[in-house]
Amino acid sequence: MADSVFLSGDRIDLRPIEEDDLEFLQREINDPRIWRAIGRSRPVNGPQEREFFENVVCDDDTVNLLIVADSSPVGTIGLNAIEWETRQAEIGYWIAPEHHGQGYGTDAATRLVAYGFDQLGLHKITARVFEFNEPSRRLLESVGFTREGVHRDDVFVDGAFQDTYWYGLLEDEWRSETE
């Protein structure tokens, strides 16, 4: 059901991604302002988006949600690479370009981090961001993440090698920030 809210934020709601959302996801993921920022180098067609939905979104070892503001989708956020034994996961997100700068990503990340620590019992949440993606780095730092390291010339994006900055947030750090 497209209106089933899973987590509510101050400005957004997070709900499960449904098949009806695939057109929005495909359209936005092919926008250069999105695919560059997440390190994609090839376009995504309808069958590929459906395969992503079936193999990743519907996987029990990830949490992938649609970010919705005023009943309209504005992006996605998820906890991926969940390692239940070590209680770690990686957060990833993107916001459609026409909704950048409105605080939706920060609100969504804050809600999902709280869910990861409070409901999933995670100990650490990590994130990766390219050196050129200053807005994403600021978002992570505003939620409490600390830059832990750099993988130099890690990926080839938009005709050049880019460093990847690794971020981490431990549960006890997050709790001390929120109390």
N, C-alpha and C. Protein backbone atom coordinates (compact mmCIF):
# COMPACT_ATOMS: atom_id res chain seq x y z
N MET A 1 0.84 -1.17 0.00
CA MET A 1 0.00 0.00 0.00
C MET A 1 0.89 1.24 0.00
N ALA A 2 0.71 2.10 -0.96
CA ALA A 2 1.59 3.24 -1.18
C ALA A 2 1.51 4.29 -0.08
N ASP A 3 0.51 4.27 0.77
CA ASP A 3 0.43 5.29 1.81
C ASP A 3 0.76 4.74 3.21
N SER A 4 1.37 3.57 3.27
CA SER A 4 1.67 2.97 4.57
C SER A 4 2.99 3.53 5.10
N VAL A 5 2.90 4.42 6.08
CA VAL A 5 4.06 5.07 6.67
C VAL A 5 4.72 4.10 7.63
N PHE A 6 6.05 3.98 7.51
CA PHE A 6 6.81 3.12 8.40
C PHE A 6 7.45 3.94 9.51
N LEU A 7 8.04 5.09 9.16
CA LEU A 7 8.63 6.00 10.13
C LEU A 7 8.22 7.42 9.77
N SER A 8 7.85 8.20 10.77
CA SER A 8 7.49 9.59 10.53
C SER A 8 8.59 10.50 11.03
N GLY A 9 8.87 11.54 10.25
CA GLY A 9 9.84 12.55 10.65
C GLY A 9 9.16 13.88 10.85
N ASP A 10 9.96 14.90 11.06
CA ASP A 10 9.41 16.24 11.25
C ASP A 10 8.84 16.79 9.95
N ARG A 11 9.53 16.51 8.84
CA ARG A 11 9.13 17.06 7.55
C ARG A 11 8.80 16.00 6.51
N ILE A 12 9.13 14.77 6.82
CA ILE A 12 8.96 13.69 5.85
C ILE A 12 8.37 12.45 6.51
N ASP A 13 7.93 11.53 5.69
CA ASP A 13 7.58 10.19 6.14
C ASP A 13 8.44 9.21 5.36
N LEU A 14 8.73 8.09 5.96
CA LEU A 14 9.46 7.01 5.30
C LEU A 14 8.50 5.85 5.18
N ARG A 15 8.34 5.34 3.95
CA ARG A 15 7.44 4.22 3.74
C ARG A 15 8.12 3.19 2.85
N PRO A 16 7.61 1.96 2.87
CA PRO A 16 8.19 0.93 2.00
C PRO A 16 8.10 1.33 0.53
N ILE A 17 9.11 0.93 -0.23
CA ILE A 17 9.10 1.15 -1.67
C ILE A 17 8.20 0.09 -2.30
N GLU A 18 7.30 0.54 -3.16
CA GLU A 18 6.35 -0.35 -3.83
C GLU A 18 6.60 -0.36 -5.34
N GLU A 19 6.02 -1.33 -6.02
CA GLU A 19 6.17 -1.41 -7.47
C GLU A 19 5.72 -0.12 -8.16
N ASP A 20 4.71 0.53 -7.64
CA ASP A 20 4.22 1.77 -8.23
C ASP A 20 5.27 2.89 -8.21
N ASP A 21 6.31 2.73 -7.39
CA ASP A 21 7.35 3.75 -7.27
C ASP A 21 8.47 3.59 -8.29
N LEU A 22 8.47 2.49 -9.04
CA LEU A 22 9.59 2.19 -9.93
C LEU A 22 9.81 3.26 -10.99
N GLU A 23 8.75 3.84 -11.51
CA GLU A 23 8.91 4.90 -12.53
C GLU A 23 9.64 6.11 -11.94
N PHE A 24 9.25 6.53 -10.76
CA PHE A 24 9.94 7.63 -10.07
C PHE A 24 11.40 7.28 -9.84
N LEU A 25 11.67 6.09 -9.33
CA LEU A 25 13.04 5.68 -9.03
C LEU A 25 13.90 5.66 -10.28
N GLN A 26 13.39 5.08 -11.36
CA GLN A 26 14.16 5.01 -12.60
C GLN A 26 14.43 6.41 -13.16
N ARG A 27 13.42 7.25 -13.18
CA ARG A 27 13.59 8.61 -13.70
C ARG A 27 14.66 9.36 -12.91
N GLU A 28 14.60 9.30 -11.61
CA GLU A 28 15.53 10.07 -10.79
C GLU A 28 16.94 9.50 -10.79
N ILE A 29 17.07 8.18 -10.79
CA ILE A 29 18.40 7.57 -10.76
C ILE A 29 19.16 7.85 -12.05
N ASN A 30 18.44 8.17 -13.13
CA ASN A 30 19.09 8.50 -14.40
C ASN A 30 19.42 9.98 -14.53
N ASP A 31 19.05 10.79 -13.55
CA ASP A 31 19.42 12.20 -13.55
C ASP A 31 20.91 12.29 -13.20
N PRO A 32 21.70 12.99 -14.01
CA PRO A 32 23.14 13.07 -13.74
C PRO A 32 23.49 13.59 -12.35
N ARG A 33 22.65 14.44 -11.79
CA ARG A 33 22.93 14.96 -10.45
C ARG A 33 22.78 13.87 -9.39
N ILE A 34 22.07 12.79 -9.72
CA ILE A 34 21.94 11.66 -8.78
C ILE A 34 23.00 10.60 -9.10
N TRP A 35 23.04 10.14 -10.36
CA TRP A 35 23.93 9.00 -10.64
C TRP A 35 25.39 9.34 -10.41
N ARG A 36 25.81 10.56 -10.64
CA ARG A 36 27.20 10.93 -10.35
C ARG A 36 27.47 10.85 -8.84
N ALA A 37 26.54 11.38 -8.07
CA ALA A 37 26.73 11.45 -6.62
C ALA A 37 26.76 10.08 -5.95
N ILE A 38 26.11 9.09 -6.56
CA ILE A 38 26.12 7.75 -5.96
C ILE A 38 27.07 6.80 -6.69
N GLY A 39 27.78 7.31 -7.69
CA GLY A 39 28.82 6.52 -8.33
C GLY A 39 28.37 5.57 -9.42
N ARG A 40 27.21 5.80 -9.99
CA ARG A 40 26.77 4.98 -11.12
C ARG A 40 27.39 5.55 -12.38
N SER A 41 27.62 4.69 -13.35
CA SER A 41 28.19 5.19 -14.60
C SER A 41 27.37 4.77 -15.82
N ARG A 42 26.32 4.01 -15.58
CA ARG A 42 25.49 3.55 -16.70
C ARG A 42 24.02 3.80 -16.40
N PRO A 43 23.23 4.03 -17.44
CA PRO A 43 21.80 4.27 -17.23
C PRO A 43 21.08 3.02 -16.75
N VAL A 44 19.92 3.23 -16.15
CA VAL A 44 19.09 2.14 -15.66
C VAL A 44 17.79 2.14 -16.45
N ASN A 45 17.46 0.98 -17.05
CA ASN A 45 16.19 0.88 -17.77
C ASN A 45 15.14 0.23 -16.87
N GLY A 46 13.92 0.12 -17.39
CA GLY A 46 12.82 -0.42 -16.60
C GLY A 46 13.08 -1.81 -16.03
N PRO A 47 13.51 -2.77 -16.87
CA PRO A 47 13.79 -4.11 -16.32
C PRO A 47 14.90 -4.11 -15.26
N GLN A 48 15.90 -3.25 -15.41
CA GLN A 48 16.96 -3.18 -14.40
C GLN A 48 16.43 -2.61 -13.08
N GLU A 49 15.57 -1.62 -13.18
CA GLU A 49 14.99 -1.05 -11.97
C GLU A 49 14.11 -2.08 -11.27
N ARG A 50 13.36 -2.84 -12.04
CA ARG A 50 12.53 -3.91 -11.48
C ARG A 50 13.41 -4.97 -10.81
N GLU A 51 14.53 -5.32 -11.45
CA GLU A 51 15.45 -6.30 -10.87
C GLU A 51 16.01 -5.78 -9.54
N PHE A 52 16.37 -4.49 -9.49
CA PHE A 52 16.83 -3.88 -8.24
C PHE A 52 15.74 -3.99 -7.18
N PHE A 53 14.52 -3.69 -7.56
CA PHE A 53 13.40 -3.78 -6.63
C PHE A 53 13.25 -5.20 -6.10
N GLU A 54 13.27 -6.18 -6.98
CA GLU A 54 13.05 -7.57 -6.58
C GLU A 54 14.21 -8.16 -5.80
N ASN A 55 15.46 -7.79 -6.16
CA ASN A 55 16.63 -8.42 -5.54
C ASN A 55 17.20 -7.65 -4.37
N VAL A 56 17.01 -6.35 -4.33
CA VAL A 56 17.59 -5.54 -3.25
C VAL A 56 16.51 -5.02 -2.31
N VAL A 57 15.53 -4.31 -2.85
CA VAL A 57 14.49 -3.72 -2.03
C VAL A 57 13.71 -4.79 -1.28
N CYS A 58 13.43 -5.89 -1.95
CA CYS A 58 12.63 -6.96 -1.33
C CYS A 58 13.47 -7.94 -0.51
N ASP A 59 14.77 -7.71 -0.39
CA ASP A 59 15.65 -8.59 0.38
C ASP A 59 15.42 -8.35 1.87
N ASP A 60 15.39 -9.42 2.64
CA ASP A 60 15.16 -9.31 4.08
C ASP A 60 16.35 -8.74 4.84
N ASP A 61 17.53 -8.68 4.20
CA ASP A 61 18.72 -8.20 4.89
C ASP A 61 19.04 -6.74 4.57
N THR A 62 18.06 -5.99 4.10
CA THR A 62 18.21 -4.56 3.88
C THR A 62 16.94 -3.87 4.35
N VAL A 63 17.04 -2.58 4.55
CA VAL A 63 15.88 -1.76 4.84
C VAL A 63 15.92 -0.61 3.84
N ASN A 64 15.04 -0.63 2.86
CA ASN A 64 15.00 0.41 1.83
C ASN A 64 13.65 1.09 1.87
N LEU A 65 13.67 2.41 2.01
CA LEU A 65 12.44 3.17 2.18
C LEU A 65 12.39 4.36 1.22
N LEU A 66 11.18 4.73 0.89
CA LEU A 66 10.94 5.91 0.07
C LEU A 66 10.76 7.10 1.01
N ILE A 67 11.41 8.20 0.67
CA ILE A 67 11.24 9.44 1.43
C ILE A 67 10.10 10.21 0.78
N VAL A 68 9.09 10.54 1.58
CA VAL A 68 7.89 11.19 1.06
C VAL A 68 7.66 12.50 1.81
N ALA A 69 7.44 13.57 1.05
CA ALA A 69 7.11 14.88 1.63
C ALA A 69 5.82 15.36 0.99
N ASP A 70 4.87 15.73 1.80
CA ASP A 70 3.57 16.19 1.29
C ASP A 70 2.97 15.20 0.30
N SER A 71 3.03 13.92 0.63
CA SER A 71 2.46 12.82 -0.15
C SER A 71 3.17 12.56 -1.48
N SER A 72 4.31 13.21 -1.73
CA SER A 72 5.05 12.99 -2.97
C SER A 72 6.43 12.40 -2.67
N PRO A 73 6.87 11.44 -3.48
CA PRO A 73 8.21 10.89 -3.27
C PRO A 73 9.28 11.93 -3.58
N VAL A 74 10.30 12.00 -2.73
CA VAL A 74 11.39 12.94 -2.94
C VAL A 74 12.76 12.26 -2.94
N GLY A 75 12.82 10.96 -2.59
CA GLY A 75 14.10 10.27 -2.57
C GLY A 75 13.99 8.91 -1.92
N THR A 76 15.14 8.32 -1.68
CA THR A 76 15.19 7.02 -1.01
C THR A 76 16.27 7.04 0.06
N ILE A 77 16.14 6.12 1.00
CA ILE A 77 17.14 5.94 2.05
C ILE A 77 17.09 4.48 2.46
N GLY A 78 18.24 3.96 2.86
CA GLY A 78 18.25 2.57 3.26
C GLY A 78 19.42 2.21 4.15
N LEU A 79 19.26 1.10 4.82
CA LEU A 79 20.35 0.44 5.55
C LEU A 79 20.68 -0.82 4.77
N ASN A 80 21.90 -0.87 4.27
CA ASN A 80 22.33 -1.99 3.44
C ASN A 80 23.56 -2.64 4.04
N ALA A 81 23.97 -3.73 3.45
CA ALA A 81 25.14 -4.47 3.92
C ALA A 81 25.03 -4.72 5.43
N ILE A 82 23.85 -5.07 5.89
CA ILE A 82 23.65 -5.32 7.32
C ILE A 82 24.40 -6.58 7.72
N GLU A 83 25.25 -6.42 8.71
CA GLU A 83 26.02 -7.53 9.28
C GLU A 83 25.47 -7.79 10.67
N TRP A 84 24.61 -8.80 10.77
CA TRP A 84 23.93 -9.04 12.04
C TRP A 84 24.89 -9.49 13.13
N GLU A 85 25.93 -10.21 12.76
CA GLU A 85 26.88 -10.71 13.75
C GLU A 85 27.66 -9.57 14.41
N THR A 86 28.10 -8.60 13.60
CA THR A 86 28.85 -7.46 14.14
C THR A 86 27.96 -6.26 14.43
N ARG A 87 26.66 -6.39 14.09
CA ARG A 87 25.67 -5.34 14.34
C ARG A 87 26.04 -4.03 13.67
N GLN A 88 26.39 -4.13 12.37
CA GLN A 88 26.74 -2.96 11.58
C GLN A 88 25.92 -2.93 10.30
N ALA A 89 25.73 -1.72 9.78
CA ALA A 89 25.05 -1.54 8.50
C ALA A 89 25.59 -0.27 7.86
N GLU A 90 25.34 -0.15 6.56
CA GLU A 90 25.74 1.06 5.83
C GLU A 90 24.49 1.81 5.40
N ILE A 91 24.46 3.11 5.67
CA ILE A 91 23.34 3.94 5.26
C ILE A 91 23.64 4.53 3.89
N GLY A 92 22.62 4.60 3.06
CA GLY A 92 22.74 5.23 1.75
C GLY A 92 21.45 5.96 1.43
N TYR A 93 21.54 7.02 0.65
CA TYR A 93 20.37 7.84 0.38
C TYR A 93 20.61 8.69 -0.86
N TRP A 94 19.53 9.17 -1.43
CA TRP A 94 19.58 10.24 -2.43
C TRP A 94 18.26 10.99 -2.40
N ILE A 95 18.33 12.25 -2.73
CA ILE A 95 17.16 13.12 -2.78
C ILE A 95 17.06 13.66 -4.21
N ALA A 96 15.86 13.64 -4.78
CA ALA A 96 15.66 14.18 -6.13
C ALA A 96 16.14 15.63 -6.15
N PRO A 97 16.85 16.02 -7.22
CA PRO A 97 17.46 17.35 -7.27
C PRO A 97 16.52 18.51 -7.00
N GLU A 98 15.27 18.43 -7.45
CA GLU A 98 14.36 19.56 -7.21
C GLU A 98 13.99 19.71 -5.74
N HIS A 99 14.39 18.75 -4.91
CA HIS A 99 14.10 18.81 -3.47
C HIS A 99 15.35 19.00 -2.62
N HIS A 100 16.50 19.24 -3.26
CA HIS A 100 17.73 19.47 -2.51
C HIS A 100 17.62 20.72 -1.65
N GLY A 101 18.32 20.71 -0.53
CA GLY A 101 18.41 21.89 0.31
C GLY A 101 17.20 22.18 1.17
N GLN A 102 16.28 21.22 1.28
CA GLN A 102 15.08 21.45 2.08
C GLN A 102 15.07 20.68 3.40
N GLY A 103 16.16 19.98 3.70
CA GLY A 103 16.26 19.26 4.96
C GLY A 103 15.66 17.88 4.96
N TYR A 104 15.16 17.42 3.82
CA TYR A 104 14.52 16.10 3.76
C TYR A 104 15.52 14.98 4.05
N GLY A 105 16.73 15.09 3.50
CA GLY A 105 17.74 14.05 3.71
C GLY A 105 18.17 13.96 5.16
N THR A 106 18.36 15.10 5.79
CA THR A 106 18.76 15.10 7.19
C THR A 106 17.67 14.51 8.07
N ASP A 107 16.44 14.89 7.83
CA ASP A 107 15.32 14.36 8.60
C ASP A 107 15.22 12.84 8.42
N ALA A 108 15.33 12.38 7.16
CA ALA A 108 15.24 10.95 6.88
C ALA A 108 16.40 10.18 7.51
N ALA A 109 17.61 10.72 7.40
CA ALA A 109 18.78 10.04 7.98
C ALA A 109 18.67 9.97 9.50
N THR A 110 18.21 11.03 10.12
CA THR A 110 18.03 11.04 11.57
C THR A 110 17.04 9.95 12.00
N ARG A 111 15.93 9.83 11.28
CA ARG A 111 14.92 8.81 11.60
C ARG A 111 15.47 7.40 11.39
N LEU A 112 16.18 7.19 10.28
CA LEU A 112 16.67 5.83 9.99
C LEU A 112 17.80 5.43 10.93
N VAL A 113 18.65 6.36 11.30
CA VAL A 113 19.71 6.07 12.27
C VAL A 113 19.08 5.67 13.61
N ALA A 114 18.08 6.42 14.06
CA ALA A 114 17.40 6.07 15.32
C ALA A 114 16.79 4.68 15.23
N TYR A 115 16.15 4.38 14.12
CA TYR A 115 15.57 3.05 13.91
C TYR A 115 16.65 1.97 13.96
N GLY A 116 17.77 2.22 13.29
CA GLY A 116 18.86 1.24 13.27
C GLY A 116 19.39 0.92 14.66
N PHE A 117 19.57 1.94 15.46
CA PHE A 117 20.08 1.72 16.81
C PHE A 117 19.00 1.21 17.76
N ASP A 118 17.82 1.82 17.74
CA ASP A 118 16.77 1.48 18.70
C ASP A 118 16.04 0.18 18.38
N GLN A 119 15.75 -0.07 17.11
CA GLN A 119 14.94 -1.23 16.74
C GLN A 119 15.73 -2.41 16.21
N LEU A 120 16.81 -2.14 15.47
CA LEU A 120 17.60 -3.24 14.92
C LEU A 120 18.75 -3.63 15.85
N GLY A 121 19.04 -2.82 16.84
CA GLY A 121 20.11 -3.13 17.77
C GLY A 121 21.49 -3.00 17.17
N LEU A 122 21.64 -2.12 16.18
CA LEU A 122 22.95 -1.94 15.56
C LEU A 122 23.92 -1.28 16.53
N HIS A 123 25.18 -1.58 16.34
CA HIS A 123 26.25 -0.97 17.13
C HIS A 123 26.91 0.18 16.36
N LYS A 124 26.97 0.03 15.02
CA LYS A 124 27.65 1.03 14.19
C LYS A 124 26.94 1.14 12.84
N ILE A 125 26.83 2.37 12.37
CA ILE A 125 26.30 2.64 11.03
C ILE A 125 27.39 3.38 10.27
N THR A 126 27.70 2.91 9.08
CA THR A 126 28.73 3.52 8.25
C THR A 126 28.09 4.19 7.05
N ALA A 127 28.89 5.00 6.35
CA ALA A 127 28.44 5.66 5.12
C ALA A 127 29.68 5.96 4.28
N ARG A 128 29.44 6.02 2.97
CA ARG A 128 30.49 6.41 2.02
C ARG A 128 30.00 7.60 1.22
N VAL A 129 30.90 8.53 0.96
CA VAL A 129 30.54 9.70 0.16
C VAL A 129 31.77 10.13 -0.63
N PHE A 130 31.56 10.57 -1.86
CA PHE A 130 32.67 11.01 -2.70
C PHE A 130 33.12 12.40 -2.27
N GLU A 131 34.41 12.66 -2.48
CA GLU A 131 35.00 13.93 -2.04
C GLU A 131 34.27 15.15 -2.60
N PHE A 132 33.72 15.05 -3.79
CA PHE A 132 33.06 16.21 -4.40
C PHE A 132 31.65 16.44 -3.87
N ASN A 133 31.12 15.53 -3.07
CA ASN A 133 29.73 15.64 -2.61
C ASN A 133 29.66 16.29 -1.22
N GLU A 134 29.99 17.57 -1.20
CA GLU A 134 30.01 18.33 0.05
C GLU A 134 28.66 18.34 0.78
N PRO A 135 27.52 18.49 0.07
CA PRO A 135 26.24 18.47 0.79
C PRO A 135 26.00 17.15 1.54
N SER A 136 26.39 16.04 0.97
CA SER A 136 26.20 14.76 1.65
C SER A 136 27.13 14.63 2.85
N ARG A 137 28.34 15.14 2.72
CA ARG A 137 29.26 15.11 3.85
C ARG A 137 28.71 15.95 5.00
N ARG A 138 28.17 17.13 4.68
CA ARG A 138 27.58 17.98 5.73
C ARG A 138 26.38 17.29 6.38
N LEU A 139 25.56 16.61 5.57
CA LEU A 139 24.40 15.91 6.11
C LEU A 139 24.86 14.87 7.14
N LEU A 140 25.82 14.03 6.75
CA LEU A 140 26.30 12.99 7.66
C LEU A 140 26.84 13.59 8.96
N GLU A 141 27.64 14.63 8.83
CA GLU A 141 28.23 15.25 10.02
C GLU A 141 27.15 15.89 10.90
N SER A 142 26.09 16.43 10.30
CA SER A 142 25.02 17.02 11.10
C SER A 142 24.24 15.98 11.89
N VAL A 143 24.23 14.74 11.41
CA VAL A 143 23.54 13.65 12.10
C VAL A 143 24.43 13.04 13.18
N GLY A 144 25.75 13.35 13.13
CA GLY A 144 26.66 12.85 14.16
C GLY A 144 27.76 11.94 13.65
N PHE A 145 27.81 11.68 12.36
CA PHE A 145 28.84 10.81 11.80
C PHE A 145 30.20 11.49 11.85
N THR A 146 31.24 10.67 11.99
CA THR A 146 32.62 11.12 12.00
C THR A 146 33.35 10.54 10.80
N ARG A 147 34.14 11.38 10.12
CA ARG A 147 34.92 10.87 9.01
C ARG A 147 36.04 9.99 9.57
N GLU A 148 36.08 8.75 9.10
CA GLU A 148 37.03 7.78 9.64
C GLU A 148 38.22 7.52 8.72
N GLY A 149 38.06 7.81 7.44
CA GLY A 149 39.17 7.54 6.54
C GLY A 149 38.84 7.89 5.11
N VAL A 150 39.84 7.71 4.26
CA VAL A 150 39.71 8.03 2.85
C VAL A 150 40.26 6.87 2.03
N HIS A 151 39.51 6.45 1.03
CA HIS A 151 40.02 5.52 0.02
C HIS A 151 40.38 6.38 -1.19
N ARG A 152 41.67 6.53 -1.42
CA ARG A 152 42.13 7.42 -2.47
C ARG A 152 41.88 6.84 -3.86
N ASP A 153 41.47 7.71 -4.80
CA ASP A 153 41.19 7.30 -6.19
C ASP A 153 40.39 6.01 -6.23
N ASP A 154 39.35 5.97 -5.44
CA ASP A 154 38.58 4.74 -5.20
C ASP A 154 37.63 4.38 -6.34
N VAL A 155 37.04 5.38 -6.98
CA VAL A 155 36.08 5.12 -8.05
C VAL A 155 36.32 6.08 -9.20
N PHE A 156 35.86 5.68 -10.37
CA PHE A 156 35.97 6.51 -11.57
C PHE A 156 34.59 7.07 -11.86
N VAL A 157 34.40 8.37 -11.62
CA VAL A 157 33.10 9.01 -11.79
C VAL A 157 33.29 10.24 -12.67
N ASP A 158 32.46 10.35 -13.69
CA ASP A 158 32.44 11.54 -14.52
C ASP A 158 33.81 11.87 -15.10
N GLY A 159 34.52 10.83 -15.52
CA GLY A 159 35.78 11.02 -16.22
C GLY A 159 37.01 11.20 -15.35
N ALA A 160 36.89 11.01 -14.04
CA ALA A 160 38.03 11.20 -13.16
C ALA A 160 37.94 10.26 -11.96
N PHE A 161 39.10 9.91 -11.44
CA PHE A 161 39.11 9.12 -10.21
C PHE A 161 38.76 10.02 -9.04
N GLN A 162 37.97 9.49 -8.12
CA GLN A 162 37.49 10.24 -6.97
C GLN A 162 37.85 9.50 -5.69
N ASP A 163 38.20 10.27 -4.68
CA ASP A 163 38.39 9.69 -3.34
C ASP A 163 37.01 9.40 -2.75
N THR A 164 36.96 8.37 -1.94
CA THR A 164 35.75 8.06 -1.18
C THR A 164 36.05 8.29 0.29
N TYR A 165 35.23 9.12 0.93
CA TYR A 165 35.36 9.35 2.36
C TYR A 165 34.45 8.37 3.09
N TRP A 166 34.99 7.72 4.10
CA TRP A 166 34.24 6.78 4.92
C TRP A 166 33.87 7.44 6.23
N TYR A 167 32.62 7.28 6.60
CA TYR A 167 32.09 7.84 7.83
C TYR A 167 31.55 6.72 8.71
N GLY A 168 31.53 6.97 10.02
CA GLY A 168 30.95 6.01 10.94
C GLY A 168 30.28 6.71 12.11
N LEU A 169 29.29 6.05 12.65
CA LEU A 169 28.59 6.55 13.83
C LEU A 169 28.34 5.36 14.75
N LEU A 170 28.88 5.43 15.96
CA LEU A 170 28.68 4.38 16.96
C LEU A 170 27.42 4.70 17.77
N GLU A 171 26.78 3.64 18.22
CA GLU A 171 25.55 3.81 18.98
C GLU A 171 25.75 4.70 20.20
N ASP A 172 26.81 4.48 20.98
CA ASP A 172 27.01 5.28 22.19
C ASP A 172 27.29 6.75 21.86
N GLU A 173 27.95 7.04 20.74
CA GLU A 173 28.15 8.43 20.32
C GLU A 173 26.81 9.08 19.98
N TRP A 174 25.99 8.34 19.26
CA TRP A 174 24.69 8.87 18.87
C TRP A 174 23.81 9.12 20.10
N ARG A 175 23.81 8.16 21.03
CA ARG A 175 23.00 8.33 22.24
C ARG A 175 23.46 9.53 23.06
N SER A 176 24.77 9.75 23.16
CA SER A 176 25.25 10.90 23.93
C SER A 176 24.90 12.22 23.25
N GLU A 177 24.77 12.21 21.92
CA GLU A 177 24.38 13.41 21.16
C GLU A 177 22.89 13.69 21.31
N THR A 178 22.07 12.64 21.42
CA THR A 178 20.61 12.82 21.43
C THR A 178 20.06 12.99 22.84
N GLU A 179 20.86 12.78 23.85
CA GLU A 179 20.36 12.91 25.23
C GLU A 179 20.55 14.30 25.76
